[in-house]
N, C-alpha and C. Protein backbone atom coordinates (compact mmCIF):
# COMPACT_ATOMS: atom_id res chain seq x y z
N MET A 1 -0.35 -12.28 8.84
CA MET A 1 0.56 -11.47 8.60
C MET A 1 -0.09 -10.21 7.80
N THR A 2 0.19 -8.94 8.17
CA THR A 2 -0.47 -7.82 7.49
C THR A 2 0.76 -6.79 7.08
N VAL A 3 0.39 -6.14 6.06
CA VAL A 3 1.30 -5.09 5.60
C VAL A 3 0.76 -3.69 5.59
N LEU A 4 1.40 -2.81 6.23
CA LEU A 4 0.83 -1.46 6.36
C LEU A 4 1.65 -0.75 5.30
N MET A 5 1.18 0.01 4.14
CA MET A 5 1.94 0.50 3.05
C MET A 5 1.49 2.10 3.20
N ARG A 6 2.44 2.85 3.03
CA ARG A 6 2.26 4.40 2.78
C ARG A 6 2.34 4.72 1.48
N ILE A 7 1.38 5.51 1.14
CA ILE A 7 1.22 5.89 -0.38
C ILE A 7 1.09 7.44 -0.59
N ARG A 8 1.76 8.14 -1.24
CA ARG A 8 1.65 9.44 -1.53
C ARG A 8 0.93 9.62 -3.09
N LEU A 9 -0.01 10.35 -3.26
CA LEU A 9 -0.84 10.37 -4.45
C LEU A 9 -0.69 11.94 -4.96
N GLY A 10 -0.54 12.06 -6.21
CA GLY A 10 -0.62 13.37 -6.86
C GLY A 10 -2.11 13.83 -7.17
N ARG A 11 -2.24 14.97 -7.48
CA ARG A 11 -3.67 15.36 -7.62
C ARG A 11 -4.24 14.76 -8.81
N ASP A 12 -3.60 14.14 -9.82
CA ASP A 12 -4.27 13.29 -10.86
C ASP A 12 -4.45 11.83 -10.49
N GLY A 13 -4.20 11.48 -9.20
CA GLY A 13 -4.38 10.14 -8.75
C GLY A 13 -3.30 9.20 -8.99
N GLN A 14 -2.26 9.66 -9.67
CA GLN A 14 -0.97 8.79 -9.79
C GLN A 14 -0.45 8.60 -8.39
N VAL A 15 0.51 7.56 -8.31
CA VAL A 15 1.28 7.34 -7.10
C VAL A 15 2.60 8.19 -7.34
N SER A 16 2.79 8.91 -6.25
CA SER A 16 4.01 9.80 -6.30
C SER A 16 5.08 9.11 -5.60
N GLY A 17 6.44 8.78 -6.37
CA GLY A 17 7.44 8.05 -5.77
C GLY A 17 7.03 6.63 -5.67
N SER A 18 7.54 5.90 -4.60
CA SER A 18 7.37 4.47 -4.40
C SER A 18 6.69 4.35 -3.08
N PRO A 19 5.63 3.49 -3.14
CA PRO A 19 4.95 3.10 -1.89
C PRO A 19 6.07 2.59 -0.89
N THR A 20 5.80 2.83 0.39
CA THR A 20 6.74 2.42 1.29
C THR A 20 6.30 1.60 2.38
N VAL A 21 6.78 0.42 2.87
CA VAL A 21 6.19 -0.19 4.02
C VAL A 21 6.45 0.37 5.37
N ALA A 22 5.28 0.74 5.91
CA ALA A 22 5.38 1.35 7.28
C ALA A 22 5.38 0.30 8.33
N ARG A 23 4.89 -1.02 8.25
CA ARG A 23 5.01 -1.98 9.20
C ARG A 23 4.50 -3.29 8.61
N ILE A 24 5.12 -4.32 9.00
CA ILE A 24 4.72 -5.83 8.61
C ILE A 24 4.49 -6.39 10.00
N SER A 25 3.17 -6.78 10.32
CA SER A 25 2.90 -7.54 11.44
C SER A 25 2.89 -8.96 11.30
N GLY A 26 3.31 -9.53 12.21
CA GLY A 26 3.51 -11.12 12.16
C GLY A 26 4.66 -11.69 11.43
N GLN A 27 5.66 -10.88 11.26
CA GLN A 27 6.91 -11.28 10.56
C GLN A 27 7.94 -11.83 11.55
N THR A 28 8.39 -13.14 11.28
CA THR A 28 9.31 -13.64 12.10
C THR A 28 10.56 -14.06 11.29
N VAL A 29 11.72 -14.53 11.98
CA VAL A 29 12.74 -14.90 11.27
C VAL A 29 12.46 -16.02 10.25
N ALA A 30 11.60 -16.97 10.76
CA ALA A 30 11.34 -17.96 9.84
C ALA A 30 10.38 -17.72 8.59
N ASN A 31 9.60 -16.63 8.65
CA ASN A 31 8.84 -16.25 7.57
C ASN A 31 9.18 -15.02 6.88
N GLY A 32 10.49 -14.50 7.10
CA GLY A 32 10.88 -13.30 6.67
C GLY A 32 10.92 -13.25 5.13
N ALA A 33 11.15 -14.18 4.40
CA ALA A 33 11.16 -14.27 3.00
C ALA A 33 9.85 -14.01 2.43
N TYR A 34 8.83 -14.85 3.10
CA TYR A 34 7.51 -14.63 2.79
C TYR A 34 6.82 -13.19 2.98
N ALA A 35 7.30 -12.71 4.10
CA ALA A 35 6.84 -11.11 4.45
C ALA A 35 7.41 -10.27 3.47
N ASN A 36 8.67 -10.50 3.03
CA ASN A 36 9.22 -9.61 1.87
C ASN A 36 8.38 -9.71 0.55
N ALA A 37 8.16 -10.76 0.40
CA ALA A 37 7.35 -11.18 -1.03
C ALA A 37 6.03 -10.59 -0.80
N LEU A 38 5.33 -10.78 0.28
CA LEU A 38 4.08 -10.07 0.46
C LEU A 38 4.26 -8.64 0.17
N ALA A 39 5.12 -8.00 0.91
CA ALA A 39 5.12 -6.58 0.92
C ALA A 39 5.45 -6.00 -0.53
N GLY A 40 6.25 -6.71 -1.40
CA GLY A 40 6.48 -6.61 -2.76
C GLY A 40 5.23 -6.72 -3.53
N SER A 41 4.45 -7.68 -3.24
CA SER A 41 3.23 -7.85 -3.76
C SER A 41 2.16 -6.72 -3.74
N VAL A 42 2.13 -6.34 -2.47
CA VAL A 42 1.14 -5.11 -2.25
C VAL A 42 1.74 -3.85 -2.75
N ARG A 43 3.01 -3.66 -2.94
CA ARG A 43 3.43 -2.55 -3.45
C ARG A 43 3.29 -2.46 -5.09
N ARG A 44 3.31 -3.54 -5.77
CA ARG A 44 3.09 -3.80 -7.13
C ARG A 44 1.60 -3.57 -7.34
N ALA A 45 0.80 -4.24 -6.49
CA ALA A 45 -0.72 -3.93 -6.70
C ALA A 45 -1.15 -2.57 -6.69
N VAL A 46 -0.64 -1.88 -5.71
CA VAL A 46 -0.85 -0.47 -5.64
C VAL A 46 -0.44 0.38 -6.88
N LEU A 47 0.76 0.08 -7.33
CA LEU A 47 1.16 0.81 -8.64
C LEU A 47 0.33 0.36 -9.78
N ARG A 48 -0.16 -0.81 -9.89
CA ARG A 48 -0.94 -1.31 -10.98
C ARG A 48 -2.48 -0.73 -10.99
N CYS A 49 -2.74 -0.27 -9.80
CA CYS A 49 -4.10 0.36 -9.71
C CYS A 49 -4.26 1.68 -10.06
N ALA A 50 -3.01 2.50 -10.21
CA ALA A 50 -3.09 3.92 -10.43
C ALA A 50 -3.34 4.01 -11.88
N PRO A 51 -3.86 5.11 -12.21
CA PRO A 51 -4.41 6.28 -11.45
C PRO A 51 -5.75 5.97 -10.73
N LEU A 52 -5.79 6.25 -9.52
CA LEU A 52 -6.97 6.13 -8.77
C LEU A 52 -7.90 7.32 -8.95
N ARG A 53 -9.21 7.00 -9.18
CA ARG A 53 -10.21 8.11 -9.42
C ARG A 53 -10.80 8.62 -8.12
N LEU A 54 -10.35 9.82 -7.70
CA LEU A 54 -10.73 10.20 -6.36
C LEU A 54 -11.16 11.50 -6.55
N PRO A 55 -12.06 12.07 -5.55
CA PRO A 55 -12.67 13.48 -5.72
C PRO A 55 -11.63 14.60 -5.61
N ALA A 56 -11.38 15.29 -6.43
CA ALA A 56 -10.35 16.27 -6.60
C ALA A 56 -10.69 17.38 -5.30
N GLU A 57 -11.83 17.61 -5.03
CA GLU A 57 -12.19 18.48 -3.85
C GLU A 57 -11.63 18.02 -2.52
N LEU A 58 -11.46 16.70 -2.41
CA LEU A 58 -10.99 16.17 -1.11
C LEU A 58 -9.51 15.72 -1.15
N TYR A 59 -8.79 16.28 -2.06
CA TYR A 59 -7.39 15.98 -2.31
C TYR A 59 -6.54 16.00 -0.83
N ASP A 60 -6.74 16.93 -0.02
CA ASP A 60 -6.09 16.98 1.22
C ASP A 60 -6.30 15.73 2.18
N ALA A 61 -7.42 15.22 1.96
CA ALA A 61 -7.86 13.91 2.81
C ALA A 61 -7.18 12.76 2.13
N TRP A 62 -6.83 12.65 0.88
CA TRP A 62 -6.23 11.52 0.38
C TRP A 62 -4.96 11.52 -0.24
N ALA A 63 -4.27 12.72 -0.30
CA ALA A 63 -3.03 12.85 -0.64
C ALA A 63 -2.01 11.97 -0.17
N ASP A 64 -2.12 11.60 1.18
CA ASP A 64 -1.09 10.56 1.80
C ASP A 64 -2.04 9.55 2.41
N VAL A 65 -1.72 8.38 2.17
CA VAL A 65 -2.73 7.28 2.49
C VAL A 65 -1.99 6.10 3.12
N GLU A 66 -2.45 5.52 4.09
CA GLU A 66 -1.90 4.43 4.68
C GLU A 66 -2.91 3.25 4.32
N LEU A 67 -2.41 2.26 3.55
CA LEU A 67 -3.21 1.02 3.28
C LEU A 67 -2.72 -0.05 4.13
N ASN A 68 -3.78 -0.66 4.86
CA ASN A 68 -3.42 -1.84 5.59
C ASN A 68 -3.97 -3.17 4.77
N PHE A 69 -3.12 -3.92 4.39
CA PHE A 69 -3.42 -5.13 3.57
C PHE A 69 -3.27 -6.25 4.53
N ASP A 70 -4.57 -6.96 4.61
CA ASP A 70 -4.56 -8.09 5.48
C ASP A 70 -5.34 -9.27 4.68
N PRO A 71 -4.45 -10.32 4.21
CA PRO A 71 -4.84 -11.39 3.30
C PRO A 71 -6.13 -12.06 3.84
N ARG A 72 -6.45 -11.96 5.12
CA ARG A 72 -7.66 -12.55 5.69
C ARG A 72 -8.98 -11.92 5.25
N ASP A 73 -8.81 -10.71 4.60
CA ASP A 73 -9.96 -9.90 4.20
C ASP A 73 -10.25 -10.20 2.80
N ILE A 74 -9.45 -11.07 1.99
CA ILE A 74 -9.63 -11.44 0.73
C ILE A 74 -10.62 -12.70 0.73
N SER A 75 -11.73 -12.54 -0.22
CA SER A 75 -12.59 -13.58 -0.21
C SER A 75 -12.68 -14.16 -1.65
C-alpha cells in the first residue's frame, strides 16, 4: 500500500494548509481502516518535519510537492 500526499510549502519551508491525500494504492474494503491510519500517519510526519530547509532560489520547483510514501522503502 502506498500513499501519494500533496503538500504546499511557503517560502519559509512551512507547510501551508493541510497536506492532502492524492491517492492511496492497494486500498480495499478489508484494509480501509489501515489505509486511513497510514494516510494520517504520513500527514502527521510531514507536518512534524516542517519547516523544511530548501534552497530559496528554487522555490518555484518545490512550492507544490507530491510525496509518494511507500513503506517498502523503509529499512
